[in-house]
């Protein structure tokens, strides 16, 4: 298990992570630290703990919005899949009907050809 030092609000925190996840954890720490910096520039020095709590709530709000958006997109995707399935079924039915009509037309053409052949033989015979 790897360990990294993540700096948040000017303080270093030693954190463990899975091997290969070091850069990701450092990036998350930087993002959280940037959020604290943004809040500090907006509200001034209101206390480290308060800034950290506000940043945590802000990040949780972002996560909640992302989860809501994902759920909405999953629902939309499900609807699109259902629509696709309905279109494929409709196309299959249309193809089957068309094939049936082509078979009927071919049967009629063949019957006409047989009648024509019969008429030609009768005239020749």
N, C-alpha and C. Protein backbone atom coordinates (compact mmCIF):
# COMPACT_ATOMS: atom_id res chain seq x y z
N UNK A 1 0.86 -1.17 0.00
CA UNK A 1 0.00 0.00 0.00
C UNK A 1 0.90 1.23 0.00
N UNK A 2 0.61 2.16 -0.91
CA UNK A 2 1.41 3.36 -1.05
C UNK A 2 0.93 4.44 -0.07
N UNK A 3 1.79 5.41 0.17
CA UNK A 3 1.43 6.55 1.01
C UNK A 3 1.89 7.82 0.32
N UNK A 4 1.09 8.88 0.48
CA UNK A 4 1.44 10.18 -0.09
C UNK A 4 1.15 11.25 0.94
N UNK A 5 1.80 12.39 0.76
CA UNK A 5 1.51 13.55 1.60
C UNK A 5 0.64 14.51 0.80
N UNK A 6 -0.57 14.72 1.28
CA UNK A 6 -1.51 15.61 0.64
C UNK A 6 -1.55 16.90 1.45
N UNK A 7 -1.37 18.03 0.77
CA UNK A 7 -1.40 19.32 1.46
C UNK A 7 -2.74 19.97 1.25
N UNK A 8 -3.41 20.24 2.37
CA UNK A 8 -4.72 20.89 2.34
C UNK A 8 -4.68 22.03 3.34
N UNK A 9 -4.99 23.21 2.82
CA UNK A 9 -5.04 24.41 3.65
C UNK A 9 -3.71 24.63 4.39
N UNK A 10 -2.63 24.38 3.68
CA UNK A 10 -1.31 24.63 4.24
C UNK A 10 -0.78 23.54 5.17
N UNK A 11 -1.52 22.50 5.35
CA UNK A 11 -1.08 21.42 6.25
C UNK A 11 -0.91 20.13 5.44
N UNK A 12 0.13 19.40 5.77
CA UNK A 12 0.39 18.13 5.09
C UNK A 12 -0.27 16.99 5.86
N UNK A 13 -0.92 16.14 5.12
CA UNK A 13 -1.57 14.96 5.71
C UNK A 13 -1.05 13.73 5.00
N UNK A 14 -0.55 12.77 5.78
CA UNK A 14 -0.07 11.52 5.21
C UNK A 14 -1.27 10.60 5.01
N UNK A 15 -1.41 10.10 3.78
CA UNK A 15 -2.56 9.26 3.46
C UNK A 15 -2.11 8.01 2.74
N UNK A 16 -2.78 6.93 3.01
CA UNK A 16 -2.50 5.67 2.34
C UNK A 16 -3.45 5.52 1.15
N UNK A 17 -2.96 4.84 0.13
CA UNK A 17 -3.79 4.56 -1.04
C UNK A 17 -3.26 3.30 -1.72
N UNK A 18 -4.05 2.77 -2.63
CA UNK A 18 -3.60 1.60 -3.37
C UNK A 18 -2.43 1.98 -4.27
N UNK A 19 -1.56 1.02 -4.52
CA UNK A 19 -0.44 1.26 -5.43
C UNK A 19 -0.96 1.73 -6.77
N UNK A 20 -0.34 2.75 -7.32
CA UNK A 20 -0.75 3.30 -8.60
C UNK A 20 -1.79 4.40 -8.50
N UNK A 21 -2.35 4.62 -7.32
CA UNK A 21 -3.37 5.64 -7.12
C UNK A 21 -2.81 6.93 -6.53
N UNK A 22 -1.47 7.01 -6.41
CA UNK A 22 -0.85 8.17 -5.76
C UNK A 22 -1.21 9.48 -6.45
N UNK A 23 -1.05 9.54 -7.76
CA UNK A 23 -1.31 10.78 -8.49
C UNK A 23 -2.78 11.18 -8.40
N UNK A 24 -3.64 10.20 -8.43
CA UNK A 24 -5.08 10.49 -8.32
C UNK A 24 -5.38 11.10 -6.96
N UNK A 25 -4.85 10.53 -5.89
CA UNK A 25 -5.08 11.05 -4.55
C UNK A 25 -4.49 12.45 -4.40
N UNK A 26 -3.31 12.67 -4.94
CA UNK A 26 -2.71 14.00 -4.89
C UNK A 26 -3.57 15.01 -5.65
N UNK A 27 -4.10 14.60 -6.78
CA UNK A 27 -4.97 15.48 -7.57
C UNK A 27 -6.26 15.82 -6.82
N UNK A 28 -6.83 14.82 -6.15
CA UNK A 28 -8.03 15.08 -5.35
C UNK A 28 -7.73 16.05 -4.22
N UNK A 29 -6.58 15.86 -3.59
CA UNK A 29 -6.16 16.77 -2.52
C UNK A 29 -5.99 18.20 -3.05
N UNK A 30 -5.36 18.33 -4.22
CA UNK A 30 -5.19 19.67 -4.82
C UNK A 30 -6.55 20.31 -5.12
N UNK A 31 -7.47 19.50 -5.63
CA UNK A 31 -8.79 20.04 -5.95
C UNK A 31 -9.51 20.52 -4.69
N UNK A 32 -9.44 19.73 -3.63
CA UNK A 32 -10.06 20.13 -2.36
C UNK A 32 -9.39 21.38 -1.81
N UNK A 33 -8.07 21.43 -1.90
CA UNK A 33 -7.32 22.60 -1.42
C UNK A 33 -7.70 23.85 -2.23
N UNK A 34 -7.87 23.69 -3.54
CA UNK A 34 -8.30 24.82 -4.38
C UNK A 34 -9.68 25.32 -3.97
N UNK A 35 -10.56 24.40 -3.60
CA UNK A 35 -11.90 24.78 -3.15
C UNK A 35 -11.80 25.60 -1.87
N UNK A 36 -10.94 25.18 -0.96
CA UNK A 36 -10.73 25.95 0.28
C UNK A 36 -10.16 27.33 -0.07
N UNK A 37 -9.21 27.38 -1.00
CA UNK A 37 -8.64 28.66 -1.42
C UNK A 37 -9.69 29.58 -2.02
N UNK A 38 -10.59 29.02 -2.82
CA UNK A 38 -11.68 29.82 -3.41
C UNK A 38 -12.59 30.38 -2.33
N UNK A 39 -12.93 29.55 -1.38
CA UNK A 39 -13.78 30.00 -0.28
C UNK A 39 -13.07 31.07 0.56
N UNK A 40 -11.78 30.88 0.80
CA UNK A 40 -11.00 31.85 1.59
C UNK A 40 -11.00 33.21 0.88
N UNK A 41 -10.83 33.17 -0.45
CA UNK A 41 -10.81 34.45 -1.18
C UNK A 41 -12.19 35.11 -1.18
N UNK A 42 -13.24 34.32 -1.09
CA UNK A 42 -14.60 34.88 -1.07
C UNK A 42 -15.01 35.37 0.31
N UNK A 43 -14.62 34.63 1.37
CA UNK A 43 -15.11 34.93 2.71
C UNK A 43 -14.03 35.47 3.65
N UNK A 44 -12.78 35.44 3.22
CA UNK A 44 -11.70 35.90 4.09
C UNK A 44 -11.33 34.84 5.11
N UNK A 45 -10.61 35.25 6.11
CA UNK A 45 -10.17 34.33 7.18
C UNK A 45 -11.30 34.12 8.17
N UNK A 46 -12.02 33.05 8.02
CA UNK A 46 -13.15 32.75 8.91
C UNK A 46 -12.87 31.53 9.78
N UNK A 47 -11.66 31.06 9.73
CA UNK A 47 -11.28 29.90 10.54
C UNK A 47 -11.08 28.66 9.67
N UNK A 48 -9.99 27.94 9.97
CA UNK A 48 -9.65 26.77 9.18
C UNK A 48 -10.73 25.70 9.20
N UNK A 49 -11.24 25.43 10.38
CA UNK A 49 -12.25 24.37 10.49
C UNK A 49 -13.51 24.73 9.71
N UNK A 50 -13.93 25.98 9.82
CA UNK A 50 -15.13 26.41 9.11
C UNK A 50 -14.91 26.34 7.59
N UNK A 51 -13.73 26.78 7.13
CA UNK A 51 -13.42 26.69 5.70
C UNK A 51 -13.43 25.25 5.22
N UNK A 52 -12.87 24.36 6.02
CA UNK A 52 -12.81 22.95 5.65
C UNK A 52 -14.22 22.36 5.59
N UNK A 53 -15.06 22.69 6.55
CA UNK A 53 -16.43 22.19 6.54
C UNK A 53 -17.19 22.74 5.33
N UNK A 54 -17.02 24.03 5.06
CA UNK A 54 -17.69 24.64 3.91
C UNK A 54 -17.22 23.99 2.61
N UNK A 55 -15.91 23.72 2.50
CA UNK A 55 -15.39 23.07 1.30
C UNK A 55 -15.94 21.66 1.17
N UNK A 56 -16.03 20.95 2.30
CA UNK A 56 -16.59 19.60 2.28
C UNK A 56 -18.04 19.61 1.83
N UNK A 57 -18.81 20.56 2.33
CA UNK A 57 -20.22 20.67 1.93
C UNK A 57 -20.32 21.04 0.45
N UNK A 58 -19.45 21.94 0.01
CA UNK A 58 -19.45 22.35 -1.39
C UNK A 58 -19.12 21.17 -2.31
N UNK A 59 -18.12 20.39 -1.93
CA UNK A 59 -17.74 19.22 -2.73
C UNK A 59 -18.86 18.16 -2.69
N UNK A 60 -19.51 18.01 -1.55
CA UNK A 60 -20.62 17.07 -1.45
C UNK A 60 -21.77 17.52 -2.34
N UNK A 61 -22.00 18.84 -2.41
CA UNK A 61 -23.03 19.37 -3.30
C UNK A 61 -22.70 19.05 -4.75
N UNK A 62 -21.44 19.23 -5.13
CA UNK A 62 -21.01 18.89 -6.50
C UNK A 62 -21.23 17.41 -6.77
N UNK A 63 -20.87 16.57 -5.81
CA UNK A 63 -21.06 15.13 -5.96
C UNK A 63 -22.54 14.79 -6.09
N UNK A 64 -23.37 15.41 -5.26
CA UNK A 64 -24.81 15.17 -5.31
C UNK A 64 -25.38 15.56 -6.66
N UNK A 65 -24.96 16.70 -7.19
CA UNK A 65 -25.43 17.15 -8.50
C UNK A 65 -24.96 16.18 -9.59
N UNK A 66 -23.71 15.71 -9.49
CA UNK A 66 -23.20 14.75 -10.48
C UNK A 66 -23.99 13.44 -10.41
N UNK A 67 -24.31 12.99 -9.21
CA UNK A 67 -25.10 11.76 -9.06
C UNK A 67 -26.49 11.94 -9.64
N UNK A 68 -27.10 13.11 -9.41
CA UNK A 68 -28.42 13.39 -9.97
C UNK A 68 -28.36 13.38 -11.49
N UNK A 69 -27.33 13.99 -12.04
CA UNK A 69 -27.16 14.05 -13.50
C UNK A 69 -26.94 12.65 -14.07
N UNK A 70 -26.13 11.85 -13.39
CA UNK A 70 -25.88 10.47 -13.84
C UNK A 70 -27.18 9.68 -13.85
N UNK A 71 -27.97 9.83 -12.78
CA UNK A 71 -29.25 9.11 -12.70
C UNK A 71 -30.16 9.54 -13.85
N UNK A 72 -30.20 10.83 -14.13
CA UNK A 72 -31.01 11.34 -15.23
C UNK A 72 -30.53 10.78 -16.57
N UNK A 73 -29.22 10.76 -16.77
CA UNK A 73 -28.66 10.23 -18.02
C UNK A 73 -28.90 8.73 -18.15
N UNK A 74 -28.82 8.00 -17.03
CA UNK A 74 -29.11 6.57 -17.07
C UNK A 74 -30.56 6.32 -17.45
N UNK A 75 -31.46 7.15 -16.92
CA UNK A 75 -32.88 7.03 -17.25
C UNK A 75 -33.10 7.34 -18.73
N UNK A 76 -32.44 8.39 -19.20
CA UNK A 76 -32.55 8.74 -20.62
C UNK A 76 -32.00 7.62 -21.50
N UNK A 77 -30.88 7.05 -21.10
CA UNK A 77 -30.29 5.94 -21.85
C UNK A 77 -31.22 4.74 -21.88
N UNK A 78 -31.86 4.46 -20.76
CA UNK A 78 -32.80 3.35 -20.70
C UNK A 78 -33.96 3.58 -21.67
N UNK A 79 -34.46 4.80 -21.69
CA UNK A 79 -35.54 5.14 -22.61
C UNK A 79 -35.11 5.01 -24.06
N UNK A 80 -33.89 5.44 -24.36
CA UNK A 80 -33.37 5.32 -25.72
C UNK A 80 -33.21 3.86 -26.12
N UNK A 81 -32.76 3.03 -25.18
CA UNK A 81 -32.63 1.60 -25.47
C UNK A 81 -33.99 0.98 -25.77
N UNK A 82 -34.99 1.37 -24.98
CA UNK A 82 -36.34 0.85 -25.22
C UNK A 82 -36.86 1.30 -26.58
N UNK A 83 -36.63 2.57 -26.90
CA UNK A 83 -37.06 3.10 -28.20
C UNK A 83 -36.35 2.37 -29.33
N UNK A 84 -35.07 2.13 -29.17
CA UNK A 84 -34.29 1.41 -30.18
C UNK A 84 -34.87 0.02 -30.39
N UNK A 85 -35.18 -0.65 -29.29
CA UNK A 85 -35.74 -2.01 -29.38
C UNK A 85 -37.08 -1.98 -30.11
N UNK A 86 -37.91 -0.98 -29.81
CA UNK A 86 -39.20 -0.86 -30.47
C UNK A 86 -39.02 -0.62 -31.97
N UNK A 87 -38.06 0.23 -32.32
CA UNK A 87 -37.80 0.51 -33.74
C UNK A 87 -37.30 -0.75 -34.44
N UNK A 88 -36.40 -1.48 -33.79
CA UNK A 88 -35.89 -2.72 -34.39
C UNK A 88 -37.02 -3.73 -34.59
N UNK A 89 -37.90 -3.85 -33.61
CA UNK A 89 -39.04 -4.77 -33.73
C UNK A 89 -39.96 -4.33 -34.86
N UNK A 90 -40.22 -3.03 -34.94
CA UNK A 90 -41.07 -2.50 -36.01
C UNK A 90 -40.44 -2.77 -37.37
N UNK A 91 -39.13 -2.54 -37.48
CA UNK A 91 -38.43 -2.80 -38.74
C UNK A 91 -38.51 -4.28 -39.12
N UNK A 92 -38.35 -5.15 -38.15
CA UNK A 92 -38.41 -6.59 -38.42
C UNK A 92 -39.81 -6.96 -38.92
N UNK A 93 -40.84 -6.40 -38.29
CA UNK A 93 -42.21 -6.67 -38.74
C UNK A 93 -42.43 -6.13 -40.15
N UNK A 94 -41.94 -4.92 -40.41
CA UNK A 94 -42.09 -4.33 -41.75
C UNK A 94 -41.37 -5.17 -42.80
N UNK A 95 -40.18 -5.65 -42.46
CA UNK A 95 -39.43 -6.49 -43.40
C UNK A 95 -40.18 -7.80 -43.67
N UNK A 96 -40.76 -8.37 -42.63
CA UNK A 96 -41.52 -9.61 -42.79
C UNK A 96 -42.76 -9.38 -43.67
N UNK A 97 -43.45 -8.26 -43.45
CA UNK A 97 -44.61 -7.94 -44.29
C UNK A 97 -44.19 -7.72 -45.73
N UNK A 98 -43.08 -6.99 -45.92
CA UNK A 98 -42.59 -6.74 -47.27
C UNK A 98 -42.21 -8.04 -47.96
N UNK A 99 -41.53 -8.92 -47.24
CA UNK A 99 -41.14 -10.21 -47.81
C UNK A 99 -42.38 -11.01 -48.20
N UNK A 100 -43.41 -10.96 -47.37
CA UNK A 100 -44.67 -11.65 -47.69
C UNK A 100 -45.30 -11.09 -48.95
N UNK A 101 -45.29 -9.78 -49.09
CA UNK A 101 -45.89 -9.16 -50.29
C UNK A 101 -45.08 -9.47 -51.53
N UNK A 102 -43.75 -9.49 -51.38
CA UNK A 102 -42.90 -9.84 -52.52
C UNK A 102 -43.17 -11.29 -52.93
N UNK A 103 -43.32 -12.18 -51.96
CA UNK A 103 -43.65 -13.58 -52.26
C UNK A 103 -44.99 -13.68 -52.98
N UNK A 104 -45.98 -12.91 -52.50
CA UNK A 104 -47.29 -12.92 -53.16
C UNK A 104 -47.17 -12.43 -54.60
N UNK A 105 -46.44 -11.33 -54.79
CA UNK A 105 -46.26 -10.78 -56.14
C UNK A 105 -45.54 -11.79 -57.02
N UNK A 106 -44.51 -12.44 -56.49
CA UNK A 106 -43.78 -13.44 -57.26
C UNK A 106 -44.70 -14.59 -57.65
N UNK A 107 -45.57 -15.00 -56.74
CA UNK A 107 -46.54 -16.07 -57.03
C UNK A 107 -47.48 -15.66 -58.15
N UNK A 108 -47.96 -14.42 -58.09
CA UNK A 108 -48.86 -13.94 -59.15
C UNK A 108 -48.15 -13.87 -60.49
N UNK A 109 -46.92 -13.38 -60.46
CA UNK A 109 -46.14 -13.29 -61.70
C UNK A 109 -45.91 -14.68 -62.28
N UNK A 110 -45.59 -15.62 -61.43
CA UNK A 110 -45.38 -16.98 -61.90
C UNK A 110 -46.66 -17.57 -62.47
N UNK A 111 -47.79 -17.31 -61.81
CA UNK A 111 -49.09 -17.81 -62.32
C UNK A 111 -49.40 -17.19 -63.68
N UNK A 112 -49.12 -15.88 -63.81
CA UNK A 112 -49.35 -15.22 -65.10
C UNK A 112 -48.43 -15.79 -66.17
N UNK A 113 -47.18 -16.04 -65.81
CA UNK A 113 -46.23 -16.61 -66.77
C UNK A 113 -46.70 -17.99 -67.21
N UNK A 114 -47.22 -18.79 -66.30
CA UNK A 114 -47.72 -20.12 -66.66
C UNK A 114 -48.93 -20.01 -67.58
N UNK A 115 -49.81 -19.04 -67.29
CA UNK A 115 -50.99 -18.85 -68.16
C UNK A 115 -50.56 -18.40 -69.54
N UNK A 116 -49.57 -17.48 -69.59
CA UNK A 116 -49.07 -17.02 -70.89
C UNK A 116 -48.45 -18.17 -71.66
N UNK A 117 -47.66 -18.98 -70.99
CA UNK A 117 -47.05 -20.14 -71.65
C UNK A 117 -48.12 -21.10 -72.16
N UNK A 118 -49.16 -21.30 -71.35
CA UNK A 118 -50.25 -22.18 -71.75
C UNK A 118 -50.96 -21.62 -72.99
N UNK A 119 -51.20 -20.29 -72.96
CA UNK A 119 -51.88 -19.65 -74.10
C UNK A 119 -51.04 -19.74 -75.36
N UNK A 120 -49.74 -19.54 -75.22
CA UNK A 120 -48.83 -19.61 -76.37
C UNK A 120 -48.81 -21.02 -76.94
N UNK A 121 -48.78 -22.03 -76.07
CA UNK A 121 -48.77 -23.42 -76.54
C UNK A 121 -50.07 -23.77 -77.25
N UNK A 122 -51.19 -23.26 -76.72
CA UNK A 122 -52.50 -23.54 -77.32
C UNK A 122 -52.60 -22.90 -78.71
N UNK A 123 -52.04 -21.69 -78.83
CA UNK A 123 -52.07 -21.01 -80.14
C UNK A 123 -51.16 -21.71 -81.14
N UNK A 124 -50.08 -22.27 -80.68
CA UNK A 124 -49.13 -22.94 -81.55
C UNK A 124 -49.60 -24.37 -81.86
N UNK A 125 -50.36 -24.90 -81.05
CA UNK A 125 -50.71 -26.30 -81.13
C UNK A 125 -51.92 -26.61 -81.85
